[in-house]
């Protein structure tokens, strides 16, 4: 599965890369080069970030499923304990 960004997100990411280069590197980077760098990051590093995010989500969901038993558990066969000793004959 390839990781793709919307056009708006890609444009924002490219602008951010360009700003980073302007503020932190000796030379600026053009839009085409920033887009190529973004593509490289998405292909090379994106899957590792995506896989970690999936693992984190799975862990969180598993913890919630384990808590489900505690949150919604109902005691069984409690009629007589709630009623006291019962009706006298």
PDB file of N, CA and C in Angstrom:
ATOM      1  N   UNK A   1       0.845  -1.167   0.000  1.00  0.00           N
ATOM      2  CA  UNK A   1       0.000   0.000   0.000  1.00  0.00           C
ATOM      3  C   UNK A   1       0.895   1.236   0.000  1.00  0.00           C
ATOM      4  N   UNK A   2       0.672   2.102  -0.925  1.00  0.00           N
ATOM      5  CA  UNK A   2       1.466   3.331  -0.960  1.00  0.00           C
ATOM      6  C   UNK A   2       0.764   4.399  -0.125  1.00  0.00           C
ATOM      7  N   UNK A   3       1.562   5.226   0.493  1.00  0.00           N
ATOM      8  CA  UNK A   3       1.028   6.298   1.318  1.00  0.00           C
ATOM      9  C   UNK A   3       0.937   7.542   0.456  1.00  0.00           C
ATOM     10  N   UNK A   4      -0.250   8.086   0.359  1.00  0.00           N
ATOM     11  CA  UNK A   4      -0.468   9.261  -0.473  1.00  0.00           C
ATOM     12  C   UNK A   4      -1.102  10.362   0.357  1.00  0.00           C
ATOM     13  N   UNK A   5      -0.759  11.577   0.035  1.00  0.00           N
ATOM     14  CA  UNK A   5      -1.337  12.745   0.682  1.00  0.00           C
ATOM     15  C   UNK A   5      -2.320  13.408  -0.265  1.00  0.00           C
ATOM     16  N   UNK A   6      -3.286  14.096   0.295  1.00  0.00           N
ATOM     17  CA  UNK A   6      -4.187  14.890  -0.541  1.00  0.00           C
ATOM     18  C   UNK A   6      -3.364  16.003  -1.188  1.00  0.00           C
ATOM     19  N   UNK A   7      -3.912  16.594  -2.233  1.00  0.00           N
ATOM     20  CA  UNK A   7      -3.194  17.692  -2.907  1.00  0.00           C
ATOM     21  C   UNK A   7      -2.916  18.835  -1.945  1.00  0.00           C
ATOM     22  N   UNK A   8      -3.898  19.130  -1.093  1.00  0.00           N
ATOM     23  CA  UNK A   8      -3.736  20.216  -0.135  1.00  0.00           C
ATOM     24  C   UNK A   8      -2.642  19.893   0.882  1.00  0.00           C
ATOM     25  N   UNK A   9      -2.636  18.660   1.403  1.00  0.00           N
ATOM     26  CA  UNK A   9      -1.625  18.266   2.388  1.00  0.00           C
ATOM     27  C   UNK A   9      -0.238  18.240   1.751  1.00  0.00           C
ATOM     28  N   UNK A  10      -0.149  17.756   0.512  1.00  0.00           N
ATOM     29  CA  UNK A  10       1.144  17.722  -0.183  1.00  0.00           C
ATOM     30  C   UNK A  10       1.671  19.139  -0.403  1.00  0.00           C
ATOM     31  N   UNK A  11       0.796  20.046  -0.814  1.00  0.00           N
ATOM     32  CA  UNK A  11       1.213  21.437  -1.035  1.00  0.00           C
ATOM     33  C   UNK A  11       1.689  22.082   0.268  1.00  0.00           C
ATOM     34  N   UNK A  12       1.002  21.809   1.347  1.00  0.00           N
ATOM     35  CA  UNK A  12       1.410  22.338   2.652  1.00  0.00           C
ATOM     36  C   UNK A  12       2.745  21.736   3.082  1.00  0.00           C
ATOM     37  N   UNK A  13       2.922  20.427   2.857  1.00  0.00           N
ATOM     38  CA  UNK A  13       4.174  19.757   3.211  1.00  0.00           C
ATOM     39  C   UNK A  13       5.335  20.309   2.389  1.00  0.00           C
ATOM     40  N   UNK A  14       5.123  20.528   1.117  1.00  0.00           N
ATOM     41  CA  UNK A  14       6.173  21.084   0.253  1.00  0.00           C
ATOM     42  C   UNK A  14       6.559  22.483   0.718  1.00  0.00           C
ATOM     43  N   UNK A  15       5.559  23.293   1.039  1.00  0.00           N
ATOM     44  CA  UNK A  15       5.844  24.642   1.547  1.00  0.00           C
ATOM     45  C   UNK A  15       6.616  24.572   2.862  1.00  0.00           C
ATOM     46  N   UNK A  16       6.287  23.609   3.701  1.00  0.00           N
ATOM     47  CA  UNK A  16       6.985  23.445   4.970  1.00  0.00           C
ATOM     48  C   UNK A  16       8.436  23.020   4.753  1.00  0.00           C
ATOM     49  N   UNK A  17       8.667  22.119   3.803  1.00  0.00           N
ATOM     50  CA  UNK A  17      10.035  21.697   3.472  1.00  0.00           C
ATOM     51  C   UNK A  17      10.838  22.891   2.965  1.00  0.00           C
ATOM     52  N   UNK A  18      10.230  23.678   2.091  1.00  0.00           N
ATOM     53  CA  UNK A  18      10.918  24.849   1.568  1.00  0.00           C
ATOM     54  C   UNK A  18      11.254  25.836   2.688  1.00  0.00           C
ATOM     55  N   UNK A  19      10.318  26.039   3.587  1.00  0.00           N
ATOM     56  CA  UNK A  19      10.584  26.950   4.705  1.00  0.00           C
ATOM     57  C   UNK A  19      11.709  26.401   5.584  1.00  0.00           C
ATOM     58  N   UNK A  20      11.690  25.093   5.830  1.00  0.00           N
ATOM     59  CA  UNK A  20      12.747  24.488   6.637  1.00  0.00           C
ATOM     60  C   UNK A  20      14.117  24.737   6.009  1.00  0.00           C
ATOM     61  N   UNK A  21      14.204  24.522   4.703  1.00  0.00           N
ATOM     62  CA  UNK A  21      15.475  24.758   4.010  1.00  0.00           C
ATOM     63  C   UNK A  21      15.874  26.230   4.072  1.00  0.00           C
ATOM     64  N   UNK A  22      14.905  27.128   3.898  1.00  0.00           N
ATOM     65  CA  UNK A  22      15.197  28.566   3.969  1.00  0.00           C
ATOM     66  C   UNK A  22      15.762  28.954   5.334  1.00  0.00           C
ATOM     67  N   UNK A  23      15.203  28.385   6.399  1.00  0.00           N
ATOM     68  CA  UNK A  23      15.593  28.783   7.744  1.00  0.00           C
ATOM     69  C   UNK A  23      16.759  27.990   8.325  1.00  0.00           C
ATOM     70  N   UNK A  24      17.038  26.789   7.799  1.00  0.00           N
ATOM     71  CA  UNK A  24      18.025  25.931   8.449  1.00  0.00           C
ATOM     72  C   UNK A  24      19.174  25.458   7.559  1.00  0.00           C
ATOM     73  N   UNK A  25      19.074  25.656   6.283  1.00  0.00           N
ATOM     74  CA  UNK A  25      20.117  25.176   5.373  1.00  0.00           C
ATOM     75  C   UNK A  25      20.792  26.357   4.685  1.00  0.00           C
ATOM     76  N   UNK A  26      21.938  26.071   4.122  1.00  0.00           N
ATOM     77  CA  UNK A  26      22.697  27.123   3.441  1.00  0.00           C
ATOM     78  C   UNK A  26      22.047  27.549   2.131  1.00  0.00           C
ATOM     79  N   UNK A  27      21.333  26.631   1.503  1.00  0.00           N
ATOM     80  CA  UNK A  27      20.712  26.931   0.214  1.00  0.00           C
ATOM     81  C   UNK A  27      19.222  26.638   0.265  1.00  0.00           C
ATOM     82  N   UNK A  28      18.432  27.448  -0.418  1.00  0.00           N
ATOM     83  CA  UNK A  28      16.998  27.160  -0.477  1.00  0.00           C
ATOM     84  C   UNK A  28      16.740  25.953  -1.380  1.00  0.00           C
ATOM     85  N   UNK A  29      15.539  25.450  -1.305  1.00  0.00           N
ATOM     86  CA  UNK A  29      15.144  24.319  -2.141  1.00  0.00           C
ATOM     87  C   UNK A  29      13.926  24.747  -2.950  1.00  0.00           C
ATOM     88  N   UNK A  30      13.899  24.356  -4.187  1.00  0.00           N
ATOM     89  CA  UNK A  30      12.770  24.703  -5.047  1.00  0.00           C
ATOM     90  C   UNK A  30      11.582  23.793  -4.801  1.00  0.00           C
ATOM     91  N   UNK A  31      10.480  24.179  -5.385  1.00  0.00           N
ATOM     92  CA  UNK A  31       9.236  23.428  -5.223  1.00  0.00           C
ATOM     93  C   UNK A  31       9.366  22.012  -5.789  1.00  0.00           C
ATOM     94  N   UNK A  32       9.992  21.889  -6.940  1.00  0.00           N
ATOM     95  CA  UNK A  32      10.157  20.571  -7.569  1.00  0.00           C
ATOM     96  C   UNK A  32      11.031  19.663  -6.706  1.00  0.00           C
ATOM     97  N   UNK A  33      12.130  20.200  -6.199  1.00  0.00           N
ATOM     98  CA  UNK A  33      13.025  19.417  -5.356  1.00  0.00           C
ATOM     99  C   UNK A  33      12.351  19.058  -4.023  1.00  0.00           C
ATOM    100  N   UNK A  34      11.613  20.003  -3.458  1.00  0.00           N
ATOM    101  CA  UNK A  34      10.902  19.734  -2.207  1.00  0.00           C
ATOM    102  C   UNK A  34       9.852  18.645  -2.411  1.00  0.00           C
ATOM    103  N   UNK A  35       9.184  18.670  -3.559  1.00  0.00           N
ATOM    104  CA  UNK A  35       8.204  17.626  -3.879  1.00  0.00           C
ATOM    105  C   UNK A  35       8.865  16.270  -4.023  1.00  0.00           C
ATOM    106  N   UNK A  36      10.044  16.238  -4.653  1.00  0.00           N
ATOM    107  CA  UNK A  36      10.777  14.980  -4.804  1.00  0.00           C
ATOM    108  C   UNK A  36      11.232  14.460  -3.439  1.00  0.00           C
ATOM    109  N   UNK A  37      11.690  15.365  -2.583  1.00  0.00           N
ATOM    110  CA  UNK A  37      12.105  14.970  -1.236  1.00  0.00           C
ATOM    111  C   UNK A  37      10.919  14.432  -0.444  1.00  0.00           C
ATOM    112  N   UNK A  38       9.782  15.080  -0.570  1.00  0.00           N
ATOM    113  CA  UNK A  38       8.568  14.605   0.091  1.00  0.00           C
ATOM    114  C   UNK A  38       8.207  13.204  -0.406  1.00  0.00           C
ATOM    115  N   UNK A  39       8.268  12.997  -1.723  1.00  0.00           N
ATOM    116  CA  UNK A  39       7.980  11.681  -2.289  1.00  0.00           C
ATOM    117  C   UNK A  39       8.917  10.610  -1.752  1.00  0.00           C
ATOM    118  N   UNK A  40      10.199  10.957  -1.632  1.00  0.00           N
ATOM    119  CA  UNK A  40      11.182  10.027  -1.079  1.00  0.00           C
ATOM    120  C   UNK A  40      10.820   9.677   0.362  1.00  0.00           C
ATOM    121  N   UNK A  41      10.513  10.696   1.171  1.00  0.00           N
ATOM    122  CA  UNK A  41      10.161  10.435   2.563  1.00  0.00           C
ATOM    123  C   UNK A  41       8.912   9.565   2.682  1.00  0.00           C
ATOM    124  N   UNK A  42       7.933   9.833   1.842  1.00  0.00           N
ATOM    125  CA  UNK A  42       6.704   9.041   1.895  1.00  0.00           C
ATOM    126  C   UNK A  42       6.968   7.585   1.542  1.00  0.00           C
ATOM    127  N   UNK A  43       7.843   7.352   0.560  1.00  0.00           N
ATOM    128  CA  UNK A  43       8.132   5.980   0.146  1.00  0.00           C
ATOM    129  C   UNK A  43       9.095   5.275   1.092  1.00  0.00           C
ATOM    130  N   UNK A  44      10.073   5.994   1.594  1.00  0.00           N
ATOM    131  CA  UNK A  44      11.130   5.369   2.388  1.00  0.00           C
ATOM    132  C   UNK A  44      10.799   5.325   3.884  1.00  0.00           C
ATOM    133  N   UNK A  45      10.296   6.412   4.425  1.00  0.00           N
ATOM    134  CA  UNK A  45      10.076   6.508   5.866  1.00  0.00           C
ATOM    135  C   UNK A  45       8.590   6.366   6.222  1.00  0.00           C
ATOM    136  N   UNK A  46       7.726   6.757   5.308  1.00  0.00           N
ATOM    137  CA  UNK A  46       6.287   6.718   5.553  1.00  0.00           C
ATOM    138  C   UNK A  46       5.777   5.374   6.047  1.00  0.00           C
ATOM    139  N   UNK A  47       6.178   4.251   5.425  1.00  0.00           N
ATOM    140  CA  UNK A  47       5.676   2.958   5.899  1.00  0.00           C
ATOM    141  C   UNK A  47       6.052   2.647   7.349  1.00  0.00           C
ATOM    142  N   UNK A  48       7.237   3.044   7.783  1.00  0.00           N
ATOM    143  CA  UNK A  48       7.634   2.807   9.175  1.00  0.00           C
ATOM    144  C   UNK A  48       6.742   3.605  10.126  1.00  0.00           C
ATOM    145  N   UNK A  49       6.448   4.846   9.768  1.00  0.00           N
ATOM    146  CA  UNK A  49       5.584   5.682  10.599  1.00  0.00           C
ATOM    147  C   UNK A  49       4.162   5.119  10.593  1.00  0.00           C
ATOM    148  N   UNK A  50       3.698   4.728   9.424  1.00  0.00           N
ATOM    149  CA  UNK A  50       2.352   4.156   9.283  1.00  0.00           C
ATOM    150  C   UNK A  50       2.223   2.873  10.100  1.00  0.00           C
ATOM    151  N   UNK A  51       3.206   1.989   9.983  1.00  0.00           N
ATOM    152  CA  UNK A  51       3.155   0.725  10.719  1.00  0.00           C
ATOM    153  C   UNK A  51       3.161   0.958  12.228  1.00  0.00           C
ATOM    154  N   UNK A  52       3.940   1.929  12.686  1.00  0.00           N
ATOM    155  CA  UNK A  52       3.957   2.239  14.115  1.00  0.00           C
ATOM    156  C   UNK A  52       2.612   2.786  14.559  1.00  0.00           C
ATOM    157  N   UNK A  53       2.006   3.620  13.730  1.00  0.00           N
ATOM    158  CA  UNK A  53       0.691   4.166  14.066  1.00  0.00           C
ATOM    159  C   UNK A  53      -0.349   3.054  14.164  1.00  0.00           C
ATOM    160  N   UNK A  54      -0.295   2.102  13.251  1.00  0.00           N
ATOM    161  CA  UNK A  54      -1.216   0.964  13.292  1.00  0.00           C
ATOM    162  C   UNK A  54      -0.976   0.141  14.546  1.00  0.00           C
ATOM    163  N   UNK A  55       0.281  -0.117  14.879  1.00  0.00           N
ATOM    164  CA  UNK A  55       0.611  -0.880  16.088  1.00  0.00           C
ATOM    165  C   UNK A  55       0.108  -0.157  17.336  1.00  0.00           C
ATOM    166  N   UNK A  56       0.274   1.168  17.376  1.00  0.00           N
ATOM    167  CA  UNK A  56      -0.216   1.949  18.510  1.00  0.00           C
ATOM    168  C   UNK A  56      -1.738   1.870  18.610  1.00  0.00           C
ATOM    169  N   UNK A  57      -2.421   1.963  17.480  1.00  0.00           N
ATOM    170  CA  UNK A  57      -3.885   1.887  17.474  1.00  0.00           C
ATOM    171  C   UNK A  57      -4.346   0.498  17.917  1.00  0.00           C
ATOM    172  N   UNK A  58      -3.673  -0.551  17.431  1.00  0.00           N
ATOM    173  CA  UNK A  58      -4.030  -1.910  17.842  1.00  0.00           C
ATOM    174  C   UNK A  58      -3.842  -2.097  19.340  1.00  0.00           C
ATOM    175  N   UNK A  59      -2.754  -1.596  19.865  1.00  0.00           N
ATOM    176  CA  UNK A  59      -2.481  -1.712  21.295  1.00  0.00           C
ATOM    177  C   UNK A  59      -3.556  -1.003  22.104  1.00  0.00           C
ATOM    178  N   UNK A  60      -3.916   0.189  21.661  1.00  0.00           N
ATOM    179  CA  UNK A  60      -4.952   0.969  22.354  1.00  0.00           C
ATOM    180  C   UNK A  60      -6.300   0.249  22.304  1.00  0.00           C
ATOM    181  N   UNK A  61      -6.640  -0.296  21.143  1.00  0.00           N
ATOM    182  CA  UNK A  61      -7.911  -1.015  21.012  1.00  0.00           C
ATOM    183  C   UNK A  61      -7.920  -2.286  21.856  1.00  0.00           C
ATOM    184  N   UNK A  62      -6.811  -3.015  21.877  1.00  0.00           N
ATOM    185  CA  UNK A  62      -6.731  -4.226  22.692  1.00  0.00           C
ATOM    186  C   UNK A  62      -6.895  -3.894  24.174  1.00  0.00           C
ATOM    187  N   UNK A  63      -6.306  -2.800  24.620  1.00  0.00           N
ATOM    188  CA  UNK A  63      -6.463  -2.382  26.011  1.00  0.00           C
ATOM    189  C   UNK A  63      -7.923  -2.057  26.305  1.00  0.00           C
ATOM    190  N   UNK A  64      -8.587  -1.385  25.370  1.00  0.00           N
ATOM    191  CA  UNK A  64     -10.005  -1.044  25.558  1.00  0.00           C
ATOM    192  C   UNK A  64     -10.875  -2.293  25.573  1.00  0.00           C
ATOM    193  N   UNK A  65     -10.567  -3.272  24.722  1.00  0.00           N
ATOM    194  CA  UNK A  65     -11.331  -4.517  24.700  1.00  0.00           C
ATOM    195  C   UNK A  65     -11.153  -5.262  26.022  1.00  0.00           C
ATOM    196  N   UNK A  66      -9.941  -5.246  26.557  1.00  0.00           N
ATOM    197  CA  UNK A  66      -9.701  -5.911  27.833  1.00  0.00           C
ATOM    198  C   UNK A  66     -10.471  -5.218  28.956  1.00  0.00           C
ATOM    199  N   UNK A  67     -10.613  -3.894  28.879  1.00  0.00           N
ATOM    200  CA  UNK A  67     -11.365  -3.147  29.885  1.00  0.00           C
ATOM    201  C   UNK A  67     -12.868  -3.315  29.718  1.00  0.00           C
ATOM    202  N   UNK A  68     -13.298  -3.739  28.568  1.00  0.00           N
ATOM    203  CA  UNK A  68     -14.725  -3.885  28.295  1.00  0.00           C
ATOM    204  C   UNK A  68     -15.384  -4.830  29.283  1.00  0.00           C
ATOM    205  N   UNK A  69     -14.720  -5.922  29.622  1.00  0.00           N
ATOM    206  CA  UNK A  69     -15.259  -6.885  30.566  1.00  0.00           C
ATOM    207  C   UNK A  69     -15.519  -6.235  31.913  1.00  0.00           C
ATOM    208  N   UNK A  70     -14.624  -5.360  32.332  1.00  0.00           N
ATOM    209  CA  UNK A  70     -14.770  -4.697  33.624  1.00  0.00           C
ATOM    210  C   UNK A  70     -15.865  -3.638  33.560  1.00  0.00           C
ATOM    211  N   UNK A  71     -15.919  -2.886  32.484  1.00  0.00           N
ATOM    212  CA  UNK A  71     -16.850  -1.771  32.369  1.00  0.00           C
ATOM    213  C   UNK A  71     -18.306  -2.204  32.253  1.00  0.00           C
ATOM    214  N   UNK A  72     -18.560  -3.293  31.574  1.00  0.00           N
ATOM    215  CA  UNK A  72     -19.950  -3.674  31.311  1.00  0.00           C
ATOM    216  C   UNK A  72     -20.343  -4.996  31.961  1.00  0.00           C
ATOM    217  N   UNK A  73     -19.526  -5.488  32.861  1.00  0.00           N
ATOM    218  CA  UNK A  73     -19.818  -6.766  33.513  1.00  0.00           C
ATOM    219  C   UNK A  73     -21.022  -6.638  34.440  1.00  0.00           C
ATOM    220  N   UNK A  74     -21.870  -7.611  34.421  1.00  0.00           N
ATOM    221  CA  UNK A  74     -23.013  -7.677  35.319  1.00  0.00           C
ATOM    222  C   UNK A  74     -22.909  -8.968  36.119  1.00  0.00           C
ATOM    223  N   UNK A  75     -23.122  -8.868  37.397  1.00  0.00           N
ATOM    224  CA  UNK A  75     -23.130 -10.059  38.235  1.00  0.00           C
ATOM    225  C   UNK A  75     -24.327 -10.923  37.846  1.00  0.00           C
ATOM    226  N   UNK A  76     -24.121 -12.203  37.913  1.00  0.00           N
ATOM    227  CA  UNK A  76     -25.179 -13.146  37.538  1.00  0.00           C
ATOM    228  C   UNK A  76     -25.884 -13.685  38.781  1.00  0.00           C
ATOM    229  N   UNK A  77     -27.115 -14.047  38.606  1.00  0.00           N
ATOM    230  CA  UNK A  77     -27.915 -14.705  39.632  1.00  0.00           C
ATOM    231  C   UNK A  77     -27.906 -13.938  40.953  1.00  0.00           C
ATOM    232  N   UNK A  78     -28.312 -12.683  40.869  1.00  0.00           N
ATOM    233  CA  UNK A  78     -28.298 -11.841  42.070  1.00  0.00           C
ATOM    234  C   UNK A  78     -29.699 -11.540  42.605  1.00  0.00           C
ATOM    235  N   UNK A  79     -30.691 -12.138  42.013  1.00  0.00           N
ATOM    236  CA  UNK A  79     -32.066 -11.846  42.443  1.00  0.00           C
ATOM    237  C   UNK A  79     -32.234 -12.080  43.935  1.00  0.00           C
ATOM    238  N   UNK A  80     -31.832 -13.234  44.409  1.00  0.00           N
ATOM    239  CA  UNK A  80     -32.065 -13.582  45.805  1.00  0.00           C
ATOM    240  C   UNK A  80     -31.176 -12.794  46.750  1.00  0.00           C
ATOM    241  N   UNK A  81     -29.999 -12.440  46.315  1.00  0.00           N
ATOM    242  CA  UNK A  81     -29.143 -11.655  47.202  1.00  0.00           C
ATOM    243  C   UNK A  81     -29.641 -10.219  47.309  1.00  0.00           C
ATOM    244  N   UNK A  82     -30.264  -9.722  46.284  1.00  0.00           N
ATOM    245  CA  UNK A  82     -30.810  -8.365  46.324  1.00  0.00           C
ATOM    246  C   UNK A  82     -32.143  -8.329  47.072  1.00  0.00           C
ATOM    247  N   UNK A  83     -32.884  -9.442  47.080  1.00  0.00           N
ATOM    248  CA  UNK A  83     -34.205  -9.484  47.705  1.00  0.00           C
ATOM    249  C   UNK A  83     -34.121  -9.808  49.188  1.00  0.00           C
ATOM    250  N   UNK A  84     -33.010 -10.225  49.657  1.00  0.00           N
ATOM    251  CA  UNK A  84     -32.906 -10.623  51.057  1.00  0.00           C
ATOM    252  C   UNK A  84     -33.118 -12.126  51.159  1.00  0.00           C
ATOM    253  N   UNK A  85     -33.803 -12.572  52.175  1.00  0.00           N
ATOM    254  CA  UNK A  85     -33.976 -14.001  52.398  1.00  0.00           C
ATOM    255  C   UNK A  85     -35.092 -14.583  51.567  1.00  0.00           C
ATOM    256  N   UNK A  86     -35.911 -13.772  50.989  1.00  0.00           N
ATOM    257  CA  UNK A  86     -36.997 -14.286  50.168  1.00  0.00           C
ATOM    258  C   UNK A  86     -38.321 -14.196  50.902  1.00  0.00           C
ATOM    259  N   UNK A  87     -39.361 -14.757  50.342  1.00  0.00           N
ATOM    260  CA  UNK A  87     -40.717 -14.707  50.884  1.00  0.00           C
ATOM    261  C   UNK A  87     -40.914 -15.850  51.859  1.00  0.00           C
ATOM    262  N   UNK A  88     -41.595 -15.608  52.964  1.00  0.00           N
ATOM    263  CA  UNK A  88     -41.884 -16.668  53.932  1.00  0.00           C
ATOM    264  C   UNK A  88     -43.180 -17.353  53.555  1.00  0.00           C
ATOM    265  N   UNK A  89     -43.233 -18.628  53.811  1.00  0.00           N
ATOM    266  CA  UNK A  89     -44.445 -19.388  53.489  1.00  0.00           C
ATOM    267  C   UNK A  89     -45.244 -19.669  54.704  1.00  0.00           C
TER     268      UNK A  89
END
